[in-house]
């Protein structure tokens, strides 16, 4: 069994589950393709207030499924296809999601798990979560696009420590470095997530979409003159007017 990436949508929230429990949710090639398919299917769904990415059971994702590696890693063309099409295809699909994406992290978050978490907007972790990318022990580097993503989100100091020293870091350390948004006791994780989702459900979907696009453009280094073109086209949108009128009228806005 090569594992699966599953998705269930309910009440405006998509729960995406990395499911390969026999290998601590390590990502197989099929699972990377699943990840892309799931997130491509969510793209443009204006009914979503948030997407939650989590691992099945006690772990988020322990890395890649190393048992598959001999079949493709020792030939340049197949290795390139794996990283540029399968892995990056999945990560790019997460990055392209218009709804806010929350990584709910328990247990091991290694290699591929760090990359997936880095593609999410908000990283909420249990206090027993552990992070690393000790692939130098396997004799290969992180692929360029993946390393750029991890370095940008986790920080260059952390990326170098993970990749050059094979460091495995506790959640508290990553929180102190600004790579995690919140850590809570493991048994409090569901309640903390529920509060966060409840808050997000009250917010403007238009604002979320525009912010997500802005963050993508900033990460891509889009020049400011291009960002300013059309930056204020939302002026006449219903959600813009509704939010301001609701505030002035001392009532809750109705965005959806």
Protein backbone atom coordinates (compact mmCIF):
# COMPACT_ATOMS: atom_id res chain seq x y z
CA UNK A 1 0.00 0.00 0.00
CA UNK A 2 1.58 3.29 -1.14
CA UNK A 3 -0.56 5.57 1.02
CA UNK A 4 -3.13 8.19 0.08
CA UNK A 5 -3.94 11.86 0.49
CA UNK A 6 -7.60 12.20 1.37
CA UNK A 7 -9.93 15.20 1.45
CA UNK A 8 -13.26 15.78 3.16
CA UNK A 9 -15.10 19.10 2.90
CA UNK A 10 -17.65 20.09 5.54
CA UNK A 11 -19.12 23.45 6.55
CA UNK A 12 -16.64 25.45 4.53
CA UNK A 13 -13.52 23.62 5.76
CA UNK A 14 -11.51 21.10 3.74
CA UNK A 15 -9.65 18.52 5.86
CA UNK A 16 -6.75 17.08 3.86
CA UNK A 17 -5.20 13.99 5.47
CA UNK A 18 -1.79 12.53 4.66
CA UNK A 19 -2.47 8.83 5.18
CA UNK A 20 0.35 6.29 5.20
CA UNK A 21 0.38 5.27 8.87
CA UNK A 22 2.51 2.16 8.37
CA UNK A 23 5.38 4.52 7.45
CA UNK A 24 4.52 7.44 9.76
CA UNK A 25 2.77 9.09 6.77
CA UNK A 26 5.87 9.17 4.57
CA UNK A 27 5.06 10.54 1.11
CA UNK A 28 5.08 8.05 -1.77
CA UNK A 29 5.12 9.17 -5.40
CA UNK A 30 1.41 8.41 -5.66
CA UNK A 31 0.76 10.58 -2.61
CA UNK A 32 2.54 13.56 -4.16
CA UNK A 33 0.28 13.18 -7.19
CA UNK A 34 -2.70 12.85 -4.84
CA UNK A 35 -1.69 16.07 -3.07
CA UNK A 36 -1.67 17.94 -6.35
CA UNK A 37 -5.00 16.46 -7.43
CA UNK A 38 -6.68 17.31 -4.12
CA UNK A 39 -5.49 20.90 -4.07
CA UNK A 40 -6.20 21.43 -7.77
CA UNK A 41 -9.75 20.33 -6.95
CA UNK A 42 -10.01 22.91 -4.14
CA UNK A 43 -8.69 25.79 -6.22
CA UNK A 44 -11.24 28.49 -6.81
CA UNK A 45 -13.77 27.10 -4.31
CA UNK A 46 -15.11 30.35 -2.86
CA UNK A 47 -17.12 28.46 -0.23
CA UNK A 48 -13.98 27.47 1.69
CA UNK A 49 -12.94 29.49 4.71
CA UNK A 50 -9.88 27.29 5.37
CA UNK A 51 -8.04 24.10 4.44
CA UNK A 52 -6.43 21.95 7.14
CA UNK A 53 -3.54 19.63 6.27
CA UNK A 54 -2.81 16.92 8.84
CA UNK A 55 -1.34 13.46 9.14
CA UNK A 56 -3.30 10.38 10.07
CA UNK A 57 -2.69 9.34 13.66
CA UNK A 58 0.26 10.49 15.74
CA UNK A 59 2.51 11.98 13.03
CA UNK A 60 2.30 14.70 10.38
CA UNK A 61 4.72 13.29 7.78
CA UNK A 62 8.01 11.47 8.33
CA UNK A 63 9.52 12.41 4.94
CA UNK A 64 9.62 10.52 1.69
CA UNK A 65 8.91 6.81 1.25
CA UNK A 66 12.52 5.65 0.95
CA UNK A 67 11.47 2.13 -0.06
CA UNK A 68 10.58 3.53 -3.51
CA UNK A 69 13.85 5.38 -4.08
CA UNK A 70 15.95 2.68 -5.79
CA UNK A 71 13.40 2.49 -8.61
CA UNK A 72 14.00 6.04 -9.85
CA UNK A 73 16.61 8.06 -7.96
CA UNK A 74 19.73 6.73 -9.71
CA UNK A 75 18.90 8.10 -13.17
CA UNK A 76 18.95 11.85 -13.83
CA UNK A 77 15.81 12.11 -15.97
CA UNK A 78 13.56 10.15 -13.61
CA UNK A 79 15.00 11.95 -10.58
CA UNK A 80 14.34 15.33 -12.22
CA UNK A 81 10.77 14.29 -13.07
CA UNK A 82 10.14 13.21 -9.48
CA UNK A 83 11.25 16.50 -7.96
CA UNK A 84 10.12 18.95 -10.64
CA UNK A 85 6.80 17.35 -11.59
CA UNK A 86 5.61 15.17 -8.74
CA UNK A 87 6.99 16.82 -5.60
CA UNK A 88 6.95 20.41 -6.80
CA UNK A 89 3.62 19.85 -8.53
CA UNK A 90 2.11 18.93 -5.17
CA UNK A 91 3.78 21.78 -3.28
CA UNK A 92 2.84 24.35 -5.93
CA UNK A 93 -0.78 23.23 -5.77
CA UNK A 94 -0.78 23.91 -2.00
CA UNK A 95 0.85 27.30 -2.56
CA UNK A 96 -1.75 28.16 -5.21
CA UNK A 97 -4.74 27.47 -2.96
CA UNK A 98 -6.92 30.58 -2.62
CA UNK A 99 -8.17 29.67 0.87
CA UNK A 100 -5.91 29.92 3.94
CA UNK A 101 -4.09 26.60 4.51
CA UNK A 102 -3.34 25.45 8.06
CA UNK A 103 -0.75 22.77 8.81
CA UNK A 104 -1.83 20.83 11.91
CA UNK A 105 1.39 19.18 13.03
CA UNK A 106 1.80 16.30 15.45
CA UNK A 107 4.80 14.05 16.03
CA UNK A 108 7.35 13.72 13.25
CA UNK A 109 7.55 16.42 10.59
CA UNK A 110 10.60 15.48 8.52
CA UNK A 111 11.84 16.18 5.00
CA UNK A 112 8.73 16.13 2.84
CA UNK A 113 6.70 17.03 5.92
CA UNK A 114 8.76 20.19 6.46
CA UNK A 115 8.24 21.06 2.79
CA UNK A 116 4.47 20.58 2.96
CA UNK A 117 4.27 22.56 6.20
CA UNK A 118 6.30 25.33 4.56
CA UNK A 119 3.77 25.53 1.72
CA UNK A 120 0.96 26.19 4.24
CA UNK A 121 0.00 29.64 5.50
CA UNK A 122 -0.32 28.89 9.22
CA UNK A 123 1.58 26.22 11.14
CA UNK A 124 -0.09 25.03 14.35
CA UNK A 125 1.93 22.38 16.18
CA UNK A 126 1.67 20.12 19.20
CA UNK A 127 4.40 20.67 21.77
CA UNK A 128 5.80 17.20 21.08
CA UNK A 129 6.28 17.79 17.33
CA UNK A 130 9.79 17.33 15.90
CA UNK A 131 11.19 18.89 12.72
CA UNK A 132 14.12 18.05 10.48
CA UNK A 133 15.39 17.10 7.04
CA UNK A 134 18.29 14.70 7.64
CA UNK A 135 18.63 13.70 3.99
CA UNK A 136 22.42 14.18 4.08
CA UNK A 137 22.39 10.79 5.84
CA UNK A 138 20.92 9.38 2.60
CA UNK A 139 23.58 10.99 0.41
CA UNK A 140 21.57 13.60 -1.51
CA UNK A 141 20.60 17.28 -1.24
CA UNK A 142 17.21 18.93 -1.12
CA UNK A 143 16.01 19.95 -4.59
CA UNK A 144 16.44 23.66 -5.45
CA UNK A 145 12.78 24.76 -5.46
CA UNK A 146 12.10 22.81 -2.28
CA UNK A 147 15.16 24.24 -0.51
CA UNK A 148 14.18 27.77 -1.56
CA UNK A 149 10.71 27.28 -0.07
CA UNK A 150 11.98 25.82 3.21
CA UNK A 151 14.69 28.46 3.56
CA UNK A 152 12.22 31.30 2.94
CA UNK A 153 9.58 30.02 5.37
CA UNK A 154 11.60 28.25 8.07
CA UNK A 155 14.51 30.68 7.85
CA UNK A 156 17.96 30.25 6.35
CA UNK A 157 19.58 29.51 9.71
CA UNK A 158 17.12 26.68 10.36
CA UNK A 159 17.36 25.32 6.82
CA UNK A 160 21.16 25.20 7.00
CA UNK A 161 21.07 23.49 10.39
CA UNK A 162 18.58 20.88 9.16
CA UNK A 163 20.38 20.19 5.88
CA UNK A 164 24.06 20.59 6.83
CA UNK A 165 23.98 19.18 10.37
CA UNK A 166 20.94 16.87 10.03
CA UNK A 167 19.51 18.63 13.08
CA UNK A 168 16.12 17.53 14.44
CA UNK A 169 14.53 20.45 16.28
CA UNK A 170 11.67 20.53 18.79
CA UNK A 171 8.57 22.62 18.20
CA UNK A 172 9.53 25.12 20.91
CA UNK A 173 12.79 25.89 19.09
CA UNK A 174 11.06 26.47 15.76
CA UNK A 175 8.46 28.68 17.45
CA UNK A 176 11.24 30.79 18.95
CA UNK A 177 12.72 31.20 15.46
CA UNK A 178 9.42 32.34 13.95
CA UNK A 179 8.81 29.22 11.86
CA UNK A 180 5.66 28.17 13.75
CA UNK A 181 2.68 30.35 14.55
CA UNK A 182 1.54 28.52 17.68
CA UNK A 183 2.40 25.46 19.77
CA UNK A 184 0.01 23.92 22.28
CA UNK A 185 -0.15 20.72 24.34
CA UNK A 186 -1.06 17.81 22.08
CA UNK A 187 -4.40 17.22 23.80
CA UNK A 188 -5.36 20.88 23.26
CA UNK A 189 -4.67 20.83 19.53
CA UNK A 190 -8.27 20.07 18.39
CA UNK A 191 -9.79 22.83 20.51
CA UNK A 192 -7.17 25.35 19.38
CA UNK A 193 -7.85 24.45 15.76
CA UNK A 194 -11.62 24.81 16.28
CA UNK A 195 -11.17 28.33 17.68
CA UNK A 196 -8.95 29.30 14.76
CA UNK A 197 -11.40 27.89 12.21
CA UNK A 198 -14.31 29.65 13.91
CA UNK A 199 -12.51 32.94 13.62
CA UNK A 200 -11.60 32.36 9.97
CA UNK A 201 -15.22 31.50 9.12
CA UNK A 202 -16.23 35.03 10.08
CA UNK A 203 -13.71 36.72 7.78
CA UNK A 204 -13.98 37.95 4.22
CA UNK A 205 -13.25 35.32 1.53
CA UNK A 206 -12.37 38.16 -0.85
CA UNK A 207 -9.75 39.48 1.55
CA UNK A 208 -8.30 35.98 1.93
CA UNK A 209 -8.03 35.48 -1.84
CA UNK A 210 -6.42 38.87 -2.37
CA UNK A 211 -3.99 38.36 0.47
CA UNK A 212 -3.01 34.91 -0.81
CA UNK A 213 -2.33 36.34 -4.28
CA UNK A 214 -0.33 39.20 -2.77
CA UNK A 215 1.81 36.80 -0.72
CA UNK A 216 2.45 34.70 -3.86
CA UNK A 217 3.48 37.78 -5.81
CA UNK A 218 5.76 39.02 -3.03
CA UNK A 219 7.43 35.61 -2.75
CA UNK A 220 7.99 35.62 -6.51
CA UNK A 221 9.65 39.05 -6.34
CA UNK A 222 7.01 40.74 -8.48
CA UNK A 223 7.97 44.43 -8.95
CA UNK A 224 5.91 46.92 -6.95
CA UNK A 225 4.70 48.77 -10.06
CA UNK A 226 3.11 45.51 -11.23
CA UNK A 227 1.58 44.90 -7.81
CA UNK A 228 0.01 48.35 -7.86
CA UNK A 229 -1.66 47.69 -11.21
CA UNK A 230 -5.19 46.66 -10.31
CA UNK A 231 -4.41 46.64 -6.57
CA UNK A 232 -7.55 48.63 -5.77
CA UNK A 233 -9.99 47.02 -8.19
CA UNK A 234 -11.88 45.57 -5.23
CA UNK A 235 -13.23 49.05 -4.33
CA UNK A 236 -16.76 48.29 -5.54
CA UNK A 237 -16.96 44.70 -4.29
CA UNK A 238 -19.85 43.70 -2.03
CA UNK A 239 -17.62 42.29 0.71
CA UNK A 240 -15.67 45.56 0.90
CA UNK A 241 -18.83 47.59 1.37
CA UNK A 242 -20.42 45.00 3.69
CA UNK A 243 -17.45 44.90 6.05
CA UNK A 244 -17.28 48.65 6.48
CA UNK A 245 -21.04 49.16 6.72
CA UNK A 246 -21.30 46.37 9.31
CA UNK A 247 -18.58 47.96 11.44
CA UNK A 248 -20.23 51.37 11.31
CA UNK A 249 -23.61 49.77 12.03
CA UNK A 250 -22.21 47.82 14.98
CA UNK A 251 -23.30 44.45 13.59
CA UNK A 252 -21.58 41.28 12.41
CA UNK A 253 -20.76 41.31 8.68
CA UNK A 254 -22.36 38.73 6.41
CA UNK A 255 -19.74 37.90 3.80
CA UNK A 256 -21.07 34.54 2.59
